[in-house]
C-alpha atoms as a PDB file:
ATOM      1  CA  UNK A   1     -68.312 -14.266 -22.850  1.00  0.00           C
ATOM      2  CA  UNK A   2     -67.195 -17.280 -20.782  1.00  0.00           C
ATOM      3  CA  UNK A   3     -70.793 -18.509 -20.534  1.00  0.00           C
ATOM      4  CA  UNK A   4     -71.162 -18.379 -24.323  1.00  0.00           C
ATOM      5  CA  UNK A   5     -67.901 -20.283 -24.830  1.00  0.00           C
ATOM      6  CA  UNK A   6     -69.014 -22.987 -22.394  1.00  0.00           C
ATOM      7  CA  UNK A   7     -72.469 -23.234 -23.998  1.00  0.00           C
ATOM      8  CA  UNK A   8     -71.060 -23.457 -27.543  1.00  0.00           C
ATOM      9  CA  UNK A   9     -68.417 -25.964 -26.450  1.00  0.00           C
ATOM     10  CA  UNK A  10     -71.144 -28.083 -24.839  1.00  0.00           C
ATOM     11  CA  UNK A  11     -73.149 -28.006 -28.073  1.00  0.00           C
ATOM     12  CA  UNK A  12     -70.147 -29.041 -30.194  1.00  0.00           C
ATOM     13  CA  UNK A  13     -69.177 -31.818 -27.784  1.00  0.00           C
ATOM     14  CA  UNK A  14     -72.733 -33.133 -27.839  1.00  0.00           C
ATOM     15  CA  UNK A  15     -72.712 -33.174 -31.660  1.00  0.00           C
ATOM     16  CA  UNK A  16     -69.354 -34.951 -31.925  1.00  0.00           C
ATOM     17  CA  UNK A  17     -70.221 -37.400 -29.132  1.00  0.00           C
ATOM     18  CA  UNK A  18     -73.502 -38.229 -30.873  1.00  0.00           C
ATOM     19  CA  UNK A  19     -71.806 -38.835 -34.232  1.00  0.00           C
ATOM     20  CA  UNK A  20     -69.046 -40.986 -32.724  1.00  0.00           C
ATOM     21  CA  UNK A  21     -71.664 -42.886 -30.696  1.00  0.00           C
ATOM     22  CA  UNK A  22     -73.604 -43.724 -33.848  1.00  0.00           C
ATOM     23  CA  UNK A  23     -70.389 -44.821 -35.564  1.00  0.00           C
ATOM     24  CA  UNK A  24     -69.539 -47.173 -32.692  1.00  0.00           C
ATOM     25  CA  UNK A  25     -73.126 -48.479 -32.779  1.00  0.00           C
ATOM     26  CA  UNK A  26     -72.839 -49.562 -36.428  1.00  0.00           C
ATOM     27  CA  UNK A  27     -69.107 -50.332 -36.594  1.00  0.00           C
ATOM     28  CA  UNK A  28     -67.748 -53.897 -36.889  1.00  0.00           C
ATOM     29  CA  UNK A  29     -66.978 -55.909 -33.734  1.00  0.00           C
ATOM     30  CA  UNK A  30     -63.488 -55.260 -32.433  1.00  0.00           C
ATOM     31  CA  UNK A  31     -62.149 -58.601 -33.640  1.00  0.00           C
ATOM     32  CA  UNK A  32     -63.158 -57.724 -37.226  1.00  0.00           C
ATOM     33  CA  UNK A  33     -62.171 -54.054 -37.102  1.00  0.00           C
ATOM     34  CA  UNK A  34     -58.673 -54.724 -35.739  1.00  0.00           C
ATOM     35  CA  UNK A  35     -58.114 -57.726 -38.002  1.00  0.00           C
ATOM     36  CA  UNK A  36     -59.095 -55.921 -41.216  1.00  0.00           C
ATOM     37  CA  UNK A  37     -57.864 -52.453 -40.215  1.00  0.00           C
ATOM     38  CA  UNK A  38     -61.395 -51.111 -40.723  1.00  0.00           C
ATOM     39  CA  UNK A  39     -61.857 -47.360 -40.907  1.00  0.00           C
ATOM     40  CA  UNK A  40     -64.561 -44.841 -41.767  1.00  0.00           C
ATOM     41  CA  UNK A  41     -63.843 -41.240 -42.771  1.00  0.00           C
ATOM     42  CA  UNK A  42     -60.173 -42.159 -42.227  1.00  0.00           C
ATOM     43  CA  UNK A  43     -60.827 -42.966 -38.540  1.00  0.00           C
ATOM     44  CA  UNK A  44     -60.236 -46.493 -37.232  1.00  0.00           C
ATOM     45  CA  UNK A  45     -62.551 -48.095 -34.660  1.00  0.00           C
ATOM     46  CA  UNK A  46     -59.998 -47.321 -31.941  1.00  0.00           C
ATOM     47  CA  UNK A  47     -59.914 -43.665 -32.987  1.00  0.00           C
ATOM     48  CA  UNK A  48     -63.728 -43.440 -33.025  1.00  0.00           C
ATOM     49  CA  UNK A  49     -63.729 -45.043 -29.573  1.00  0.00           C
ATOM     50  CA  UNK A  50     -61.161 -42.565 -28.236  1.00  0.00           C
ATOM     51  CA  UNK A  51     -63.028 -39.647 -29.819  1.00  0.00           C
ATOM     52  CA  UNK A  52     -66.295 -40.737 -28.209  1.00  0.00           C
ATOM     53  CA  UNK A  53     -64.689 -41.225 -24.788  1.00  0.00           C
ATOM     54  CA  UNK A  54     -62.896 -37.864 -24.789  1.00  0.00           C
ATOM     55  CA  UNK A  55     -65.838 -35.812 -26.120  1.00  0.00           C
ATOM     56  CA  UNK A  56     -68.255 -37.457 -23.685  1.00  0.00           C
ATOM     57  CA  UNK A  57     -66.000 -36.663 -20.713  1.00  0.00           C
ATOM     58  CA  UNK A  58     -65.474 -33.098 -21.955  1.00  0.00           C
ATOM     59  CA  UNK A  59     -69.227 -32.765 -22.396  1.00  0.00           C
ATOM     60  CA  UNK A  60     -69.725 -33.754 -18.734  1.00  0.00           C
ATOM     61  CA  UNK A  61     -67.152 -31.134 -17.691  1.00  0.00           C
ATOM     62  CA  UNK A  62     -68.881 -28.543 -19.904  1.00  0.00           C
ATOM     63  CA  UNK A  63     -72.237 -29.386 -18.286  1.00  0.00           C
ATOM     64  CA  UNK A  64     -70.728 -28.862 -14.828  1.00  0.00           C
ATOM     65  CA  UNK A  65     -69.259 -25.497 -15.900  1.00  0.00           C
ATOM     66  CA  UNK A  66     -72.552 -24.552 -17.528  1.00  0.00           C
ATOM     67  CA  UNK A  67     -74.369 -25.246 -14.250  1.00  0.00           C
ATOM     68  CA  UNK A  68     -71.724 -23.278 -12.346  1.00  0.00           C
ATOM     69  CA  UNK A  69     -72.189 -20.172 -14.482  1.00  0.00           C
ATOM     70  CA  UNK A  70     -75.971 -20.505 -14.471  1.00  0.00           C
ATOM     71  CA  UNK A  71     -76.479 -21.781 -10.932  1.00  0.00           C
ATOM     72  CA  UNK A  72     -79.000 -19.228  -9.673  1.00  0.00           C
ATOM     73  CA  UNK A  73     -81.413 -19.465 -12.632  1.00  0.00           C
ATOM     74  CA  UNK A  74     -80.946 -23.255 -12.600  1.00  0.00           C
ATOM     75  CA  UNK A  75     -81.861 -23.540  -8.893  1.00  0.00           C
ATOM     76  CA  UNK A  76     -84.839 -21.229  -9.405  1.00  0.00           C
ATOM     77  CA  UNK A  77     -86.008 -23.279 -12.369  1.00  0.00           C
ATOM     78  CA  UNK A  78     -85.593 -26.560 -10.466  1.00  0.00           C
ATOM     79  CA  UNK A  79     -87.581 -25.252  -7.489  1.00  0.00           C
ATOM     80  CA  UNK A  80     -90.447 -24.271  -9.752  1.00  0.00           C
ATOM     81  CA  UNK A  81     -90.231 -27.540 -11.680  1.00  0.00           C
ATOM     82  CA  UNK A  82     -90.121 -29.709  -8.553  1.00  0.00           C
ATOM     83  CA  UNK A  83     -93.021 -27.817  -7.010  1.00  0.00           C
ATOM     84  CA  UNK A  84     -95.098 -28.216 -10.167  1.00  0.00           C
ATOM     85  CA  UNK A  85     -94.084 -31.870 -10.553  1.00  0.00           C
ATOM     86  CA  UNK A  86     -95.039 -32.723  -6.965  1.00  0.00           C
ATOM     87  CA  UNK A  87     -98.371 -31.013  -7.381  1.00  0.00           C
ATOM     88  CA  UNK A  88     -98.940 -32.851 -10.675  1.00  0.00           C
ATOM     89  CA  UNK A  89     -98.856 -36.359  -9.155  1.00  0.00           C
ATOM     90  CA  UNK A  90    -100.259 -38.055 -12.246  1.00  0.00           C
ATOM     91  CA  UNK A  91     -97.611 -36.568 -14.567  1.00  0.00           C
ATOM     92  CA  UNK A  92     -94.852 -37.397 -12.064  1.00  0.00           C
ATOM     93  CA  UNK A  93     -95.893 -41.047 -11.847  1.00  0.00           C
ATOM     94  CA  UNK A  94     -96.177 -41.353 -15.643  1.00  0.00           C
ATOM     95  CA  UNK A  95     -92.714 -39.826 -16.143  1.00  0.00           C
ATOM     96  CA  UNK A  96     -91.203 -42.234 -13.582  1.00  0.00           C
ATOM     97  CA  UNK A  97     -92.892 -45.196 -15.280  1.00  0.00           C
ATOM     98  CA  UNK A  98     -91.459 -44.103 -18.642  1.00  0.00           C
ATOM     99  CA  UNK A  99     -87.930 -43.772 -17.248  1.00  0.00           C
ATOM    100  CA  UNK A 100     -88.074 -47.106 -15.386  1.00  0.00           C
ATOM    101  CA  UNK A 101     -89.520 -48.800 -18.475  1.00  0.00           C
ATOM    102  CA  UNK A 102     -86.676 -47.501 -20.641  1.00  0.00           C
ATOM    103  CA  UNK A 103     -83.996 -48.601 -18.147  1.00  0.00           C
ATOM    104  CA  UNK A 104     -85.334 -52.115 -17.592  1.00  0.00           C
ATOM    105  CA  UNK A 105     -86.460 -52.473 -21.199  1.00  0.00           C
ATOM    106  CA  UNK A 106     -82.932 -51.837 -22.413  1.00  0.00           C
ATOM    107  CA  UNK A 107     -81.337 -54.085 -19.777  1.00  0.00           C
ATOM    108  CA  UNK A 108     -83.746 -56.986 -20.348  1.00  0.00           C
ATOM    109  CA  UNK A 109     -83.886 -56.405 -24.128  1.00  0.00           C
ATOM    110  CA  UNK A 110     -87.665 -56.070 -24.178  1.00  0.00           C
ATOM    111  CA  UNK A 111     -89.700 -54.779 -27.118  1.00  0.00           C
ATOM    112  CA  UNK A 112     -89.257 -52.218 -28.666  1.00  0.00           C
ATOM    113  CA  UNK A 113     -85.766 -51.700 -27.244  1.00  0.00           C
ATOM    114  CA  UNK A 114     -84.634 -55.119 -28.447  1.00  0.00           C
ATOM    115  CA  UNK A 115     -85.326 -53.950 -32.015  1.00  0.00           C
ATOM    116  CA  UNK A 116     -82.751 -51.187 -31.612  1.00  0.00           C
ATOM    117  CA  UNK A 117     -80.263 -53.583 -30.000  1.00  0.00           C
ATOM    118  CA  UNK A 118     -80.826 -56.292 -32.620  1.00  0.00           C
ATOM    119  CA  UNK A 119     -80.498 -53.775 -35.453  1.00  0.00           C
ATOM    120  CA  UNK A 120     -77.148 -52.613 -34.094  1.00  0.00           C
ATOM    121  CA  UNK A 121     -75.977 -56.209 -33.668  1.00  0.00           C
ATOM    122  CA  UNK A 122     -77.108 -57.118 -37.187  1.00  0.00           C
ATOM    123  CA  UNK A 123     -75.331 -54.173 -38.807  1.00  0.00           C
ATOM    124  CA  UNK A 124     -72.236 -54.746 -36.706  1.00  0.00           C
ATOM    125  CA  UNK A 125     -72.060 -58.501 -37.343  1.00  0.00           C
ATOM    126  CA  UNK A 126     -72.837 -58.085 -41.051  1.00  0.00           C
ATOM    127  CA  UNK A 127     -69.459 -56.421 -41.477  1.00  0.00           C
ATOM    128  CA  UNK A 128     -67.897 -59.824 -40.808  1.00  0.00           C
ATOM    129  CA  UNK A 129     -69.600 -61.287 -43.865  1.00  0.00           C
ATOM    130  CA  UNK A 130     -68.175 -58.466 -45.977  1.00  0.00           C
ATOM    131  CA  UNK A 131     -64.674 -58.219 -44.537  1.00  0.00           C
ATOM    132  CA  UNK A 132     -64.050 -61.578 -42.915  1.00  0.00           C
ATOM    133  CA  UNK A 133     -62.786 -62.250 -39.391  1.00  0.00           C
ATOM    134  CA  UNK A 134     -59.664 -63.578 -37.670  1.00  0.00           C
ATOM    135  CA  UNK A 135     -59.226 -67.364 -37.407  1.00  0.00           C
ATOM    136  CA  UNK A 136     -59.487 -66.952 -33.624  1.00  0.00           C
ATOM    137  CA  UNK A 137     -60.099 -64.083 -31.225  1.00  0.00           C
ATOM    138  CA  UNK A 138     -57.248 -61.592 -30.787  1.00  0.00           C
ATOM    139  CA  UNK A 139     -55.134 -63.412 -33.382  1.00  0.00           C
ATOM    140  CA  UNK A 140     -53.498 -60.099 -34.298  1.00  0.00           C
ATOM    141  CA  UNK A 141     -51.913 -59.888 -30.830  1.00  0.00           C
ATOM    142  CA  UNK A 142     -49.890 -63.103 -31.230  1.00  0.00           C
ATOM    143  CA  UNK A 143     -46.378 -63.229 -32.637  1.00  0.00           C
ATOM    144  CA  UNK A 144     -45.979 -64.744 -36.093  1.00  0.00           C
ATOM    145  CA  UNK A 145     -44.530 -67.927 -34.599  1.00  0.00           C
ATOM    146  CA  UNK A 146     -47.397 -68.411 -32.123  1.00  0.00           C
ATOM    147  CA  UNK A 147     -49.918 -67.550 -34.821  1.00  0.00           C
ATOM    148  CA  UNK A 148     -48.463 -70.208 -37.128  1.00  0.00           C
ATOM    149  CA  UNK A 149     -48.350 -72.812 -34.355  1.00  0.00           C
ATOM    150  CA  UNK A 150     -52.044 -72.306 -33.526  1.00  0.00           C
ATOM    151  CA  UNK A 151     -53.047 -72.677 -37.171  1.00  0.00           C
ATOM    152  CA  UNK A 152     -50.624 -75.494 -38.054  1.00  0.00           C
ATOM    153  CA  UNK A 153     -48.792 -73.296 -40.561  1.00  0.00           C
ATOM    154  CA  UNK A 154     -45.113 -73.936 -41.236  1.00  0.00           C
ATOM    155  CA  UNK A 155     -43.393 -71.023 -39.503  1.00  0.00           C
ATOM    156  CA  UNK A 156     -40.238 -71.031 -41.618  1.00  0.00           C
ATOM    157  CA  UNK A 157     -42.271 -71.058 -44.831  1.00  0.00           C
ATOM    158  CA  UNK A 158     -44.494 -68.240 -43.552  1.00  0.00           C
ATOM    159  CA  UNK A 159     -41.459 -66.211 -42.513  1.00  0.00           C
ATOM    160  CA  UNK A 160     -39.815 -66.740 -45.898  1.00  0.00           C
ATOM    161  CA  UNK A 161     -43.029 -65.820 -47.733  1.00  0.00           C
ATOM    162  CA  UNK A 162     -43.323 -62.517 -45.861  1.00  0.00           C
ATOM    163  CA  UNK A 163     -39.681 -61.697 -46.548  1.00  0.00           C
ATOM    164  CA  UNK A 164     -40.170 -62.422 -50.265  1.00  0.00           C
ATOM    165  CA  UNK A 165     -43.132 -60.030 -50.166  1.00  0.00           C
ATOM    166  CA  UNK A 166     -40.724 -57.317 -48.942  1.00  0.00           C
ATOM    167  CA  UNK A 167     -42.264 -57.112 -45.487  1.00  0.00           C
ATOM    168  CA  UNK A 168     -39.900 -56.156 -42.674  1.00  0.00           C
ATOM    169  CA  UNK A 169     -40.513 -57.490 -39.163  1.00  0.00           C
ATOM    170  CA  UNK A 170     -38.975 -58.750 -35.955  1.00  0.00           C
ATOM    171  CA  UNK A 171     -39.704 -62.283 -34.797  1.00  0.00           C
ATOM    172  CA  UNK A 172     -40.818 -60.922 -31.419  1.00  0.00           C
ATOM    173  CA  UNK A 173     -43.354 -58.560 -33.017  1.00  0.00           C
ATOM    174  CA  UNK A 174     -47.066 -59.275 -32.987  1.00  0.00           C
ATOM    175  CA  UNK A 175     -49.040 -59.714 -36.185  1.00  0.00           C
ATOM    176  CA  UNK A 176     -50.616 -56.306 -35.501  1.00  0.00           C
ATOM    177  CA  UNK A 177     -47.223 -54.610 -35.108  1.00  0.00           C
ATOM    178  CA  UNK A 178     -45.945 -56.209 -38.314  1.00  0.00           C
ATOM    179  CA  UNK A 179     -49.053 -55.001 -40.116  1.00  0.00           C
ATOM    180  CA  UNK A 180     -48.757 -51.447 -38.766  1.00  0.00           C
ATOM    181  CA  UNK A 181     -45.042 -51.245 -39.600  1.00  0.00           C
ATOM    182  CA  UNK A 182     -45.746 -52.304 -43.187  1.00  0.00           C
ATOM    183  CA  UNK A 183     -48.978 -50.263 -43.509  1.00  0.00           C
ATOM    184  CA  UNK A 184     -51.213 -53.245 -44.208  1.00  0.00           C
ATOM    185  CA  UNK A 185     -53.853 -55.119 -42.206  1.00  0.00           C
ATOM    186  CA  UNK A 186     -53.266 -58.272 -40.118  1.00  0.00           C
ATOM    187  CA  UNK A 187     -55.699 -59.952 -42.491  1.00  0.00           C
ATOM    188  CA  UNK A 188     -53.387 -59.163 -45.430  1.00  0.00           C
ATOM    189  CA  UNK A 189     -50.525 -60.906 -43.653  1.00  0.00           C
ATOM    190  CA  UNK A 190     -52.746 -63.964 -43.205  1.00  0.00           C
ATOM    191  CA  UNK A 191     -53.585 -63.873 -46.926  1.00  0.00           C
ATOM    192  CA  UNK A 192     -49.911 -63.697 -47.876  1.00  0.00           C
ATOM    193  CA  UNK A 193     -48.780 -66.648 -45.758  1.00  0.00           C
ATOM    194  CA  UNK A 194     -51.771 -68.825 -46.679  1.00  0.00           C
ATOM    195  CA  UNK A 195     -51.964 -67.768 -50.345  1.00  0.00           C
ATOM    196  CA  UNK A 196     -55.720 -67.214 -49.949  1.00  0.00           C
ATOM    197  CA  UNK A 197     -58.162 -64.347 -50.537  1.00  0.00           C
ATOM    198  CA  UNK A 198     -60.304 -62.797 -47.747  1.00  0.00           C
ATOM    199  CA  UNK A 199     -63.319 -64.823 -48.894  1.00  0.00           C
ATOM    200  CA  UNK A 200     -61.350 -68.060 -48.739  1.00  0.00           C
ATOM    201  CA  UNK A 201     -60.164 -67.139 -45.244  1.00  0.00           C
ATOM    202  CA  UNK A 202     -63.665 -66.132 -44.187  1.00  0.00           C
ATOM    203  CA  UNK A 203     -64.528 -69.150 -42.014  1.00  0.00           C
ATOM    204  CA  UNK A 204     -63.469 -68.454 -38.411  1.00  0.00           C
ATOM    205  CA  UNK A 205     -63.025 -70.963 -35.662  1.00  0.00           C
ATOM    206  CA  UNK A 206     -66.178 -71.800 -33.763  1.00  0.00           C
ATOM    207  CA  UNK A 207     -66.806 -69.388 -30.915  1.00  0.00           C
ATOM    208  CA  UNK A 208     -65.617 -66.257 -32.735  1.00  0.00           C
ATOM    209  CA  UNK A 209     -68.672 -64.190 -31.904  1.00  0.00           C
ATOM    210  CA  UNK A 210     -71.124 -66.732 -33.360  1.00  0.00           C
ATOM    211  CA  UNK A 211     -73.673 -66.265 -30.590  1.00  0.00           C
ATOM    212  CA  UNK A 212     -74.721 -62.759 -31.664  1.00  0.00           C
ATOM    213  CA  UNK A 213     -75.186 -63.721 -35.308  1.00  0.00           C
ATOM    214  CA  UNK A 214     -78.442 -64.791 -36.894  1.00  0.00           C
ATOM    215  CA  UNK A 215     -78.721 -68.285 -38.331  1.00  0.00           C
ATOM    216  CA  UNK A 216     -78.547 -66.898 -41.876  1.00  0.00           C
ATOM    217  CA  UNK A 217     -75.353 -64.984 -41.052  1.00  0.00           C
ATOM    218  CA  UNK A 218     -73.739 -68.104 -39.562  1.00  0.00           C
ATOM    219  CA  UNK A 219     -74.654 -70.108 -42.660  1.00  0.00           C
ATOM    220  CA  UNK A 220     -73.189 -67.473 -44.956  1.00  0.00           C
ATOM    221  CA  UNK A 221     -69.966 -67.240 -42.972  1.00  0.00           C
ATOM    222  CA  UNK A 222     -69.581 -71.023 -42.707  1.00  0.00           C
ATOM    223  CA  UNK A 223     -70.475 -71.567 -46.367  1.00  0.00           C
ATOM    224  CA  UNK A 224     -73.639 -73.562 -45.602  1.00  0.00           C
ATOM    225  CA  UNK A 225     -76.896 -73.735 -47.539  1.00  0.00           C
ATOM    226  CA  UNK A 226     -79.560 -72.089 -45.371  1.00  0.00           C
ATOM    227  CA  UNK A 227     -82.459 -74.179 -46.694  1.00  0.00           C
ATOM    228  CA  UNK A 228     -80.566 -77.417 -46.074  1.00  0.00           C
ATOM    229  CA  UNK A 229     -79.640 -76.271 -42.568  1.00  0.00           C
ATOM    230  CA  UNK A 230     -83.286 -75.476 -41.764  1.00  0.00           C
ATOM    231  CA  UNK A 231     -84.311 -78.948 -42.949  1.00  0.00           C
ATOM    232  CA  UNK A 232     -81.520 -80.539 -40.917  1.00  0.00           C
ATOM    233  CA  UNK A 233     -82.544 -78.664 -37.772  1.00  0.00           C
ATOM    234  CA  UNK A 234     -86.197 -79.624 -38.326  1.00  0.00           C
ATOM    235  CA  UNK A 235     -85.213 -83.296 -38.483  1.00  0.00           C
ATOM    236  CA  UNK A 236     -83.447 -82.830 -35.146  1.00  0.00           C
ATOM    237  CA  UNK A 237     -86.600 -81.340 -33.607  1.00  0.00           C
ATOM    238  CA  UNK A 238     -85.270 -77.787 -33.704  1.00  0.00           C
ATOM    239  CA  UNK A 239     -87.742 -75.276 -35.139  1.00  0.00           C
ATOM    240  CA  UNK A 240     -86.162 -71.935 -36.006  1.00  0.00           C
ATOM    241  CA  UNK A 241     -86.266 -69.064 -38.456  1.00  0.00           C
ATOM    242  CA  UNK A 242     -83.328 -67.633 -40.350  1.00  0.00           C
ATOM    243  CA  UNK A 243     -83.456 -64.421 -38.296  1.00  0.00           C
ATOM    244  CA  UNK A 244     -83.105 -66.172 -34.921  1.00  0.00           C
ATOM    245  CA  UNK A 245     -79.835 -65.513 -33.131  1.00  0.00           C
ATOM    246  CA  UNK A 246     -77.528 -68.491 -32.839  1.00  0.00           C
ATOM    247  CA  UNK A 247     -77.164 -68.175 -29.072  1.00  0.00           C
ATOM    248  CA  UNK A 248     -80.930 -67.805 -28.616  1.00  0.00           C
ATOM    249  CA  UNK A 249     -81.560 -71.032 -30.556  1.00  0.00           C
ATOM    250  CA  UNK A 250     -79.044 -72.908 -28.427  1.00  0.00           C
ATOM    251  CA  UNK A 251     -80.541 -71.607 -25.170  1.00  0.00           C
ATOM    252  CA  UNK A 252     -84.091 -72.406 -26.308  1.00  0.00           C
ATOM    253  CA  UNK A 253     -83.216 -76.077 -26.860  1.00  0.00           C
ATOM    254  CA  UNK A 254     -80.858 -76.334 -23.890  1.00  0.00           C
ATOM    255  CA  UNK A 255     -77.718 -77.053 -25.920  1.00  0.00           C
ATOM    256  CA  UNK A 256     -74.467 -75.181 -26.342  1.00  0.00           C
ATOM    257  CA  UNK A 257     -73.680 -73.074 -29.434  1.00  0.00           C
ATOM    258  CA  UNK A 258     -70.881 -75.570 -30.185  1.00  0.00           C
ATOM    259  CA  UNK A 259     -73.349 -78.472 -30.187  1.00  0.00           C
ATOM    260  CA  UNK A 260     -75.702 -76.500 -32.425  1.00  0.00           C
ATOM    261  CA  UNK A 261     -72.840 -75.770 -34.811  1.00  0.00           C
ATOM    262  CA  UNK A 262     -71.960 -79.468 -34.929  1.00  0.00           C
ATOM    263  CA  UNK A 263     -75.564 -80.273 -35.871  1.00  0.00           C
ATOM    264  CA  UNK A 264     -75.738 -77.832 -38.772  1.00  0.00           C
ATOM    265  CA  UNK A 265     -72.279 -78.799 -40.052  1.00  0.00           C
ATOM    266  CA  UNK A 266     -72.803 -82.549 -39.751  1.00  0.00           C
ATOM    267  CA  UNK A 267     -72.346 -84.256 -43.085  1.00  0.00           C
END
């Protein structure tokens, strides 16, 4: 009975770990998820992360218990497998080549593994175009006063505006804490004190994860015309396509992402 429980538990943990892994693969970057209070199936990114971590660790424990209860047949199977593998030199070498290729292919982002990585990045970064992003990284962790100082917003006016919107908060609380206490997102607080919509607040400060985005995504986020940007880059001797990653373009022409951004935003 114990063996069956362990085996079934292992199967369930594998299923849940796989689902949560896929969700983390396609979920928004942390800066977007925490800023907009993103959730899927009522789970936030943090909850999906915790679920994946716990189920993966429990799955490892279940595997160890599974081996413990099936040690003799496992050892017998491994002896036969190793003996057959060693005698089948060709198959052994091919299997090792496949494993090494997968490991280094993923690390070095070689084809076709880079397609998987780029697809995940594209889906993840595309959330930012839909939901918007914070004006700077980890903005939700700052207090309202610090937040206002960094963005040149009048603190007293912002404080008064939040109070008029019936939001309760302590001056020492972070933007995230204020949002959680009032059951809204940090982004909503930003909208209230700036009197702007998410789309109007869409443009983040340079450096907010721009490197992973494609040129077309950067143009959309920064409100730039893609065709005009391509022409401008061509005039500066920079040949690119709209699907090239921003960081890759900068590295190819030996400039920083900030310098590249200045070029495309130059009036």
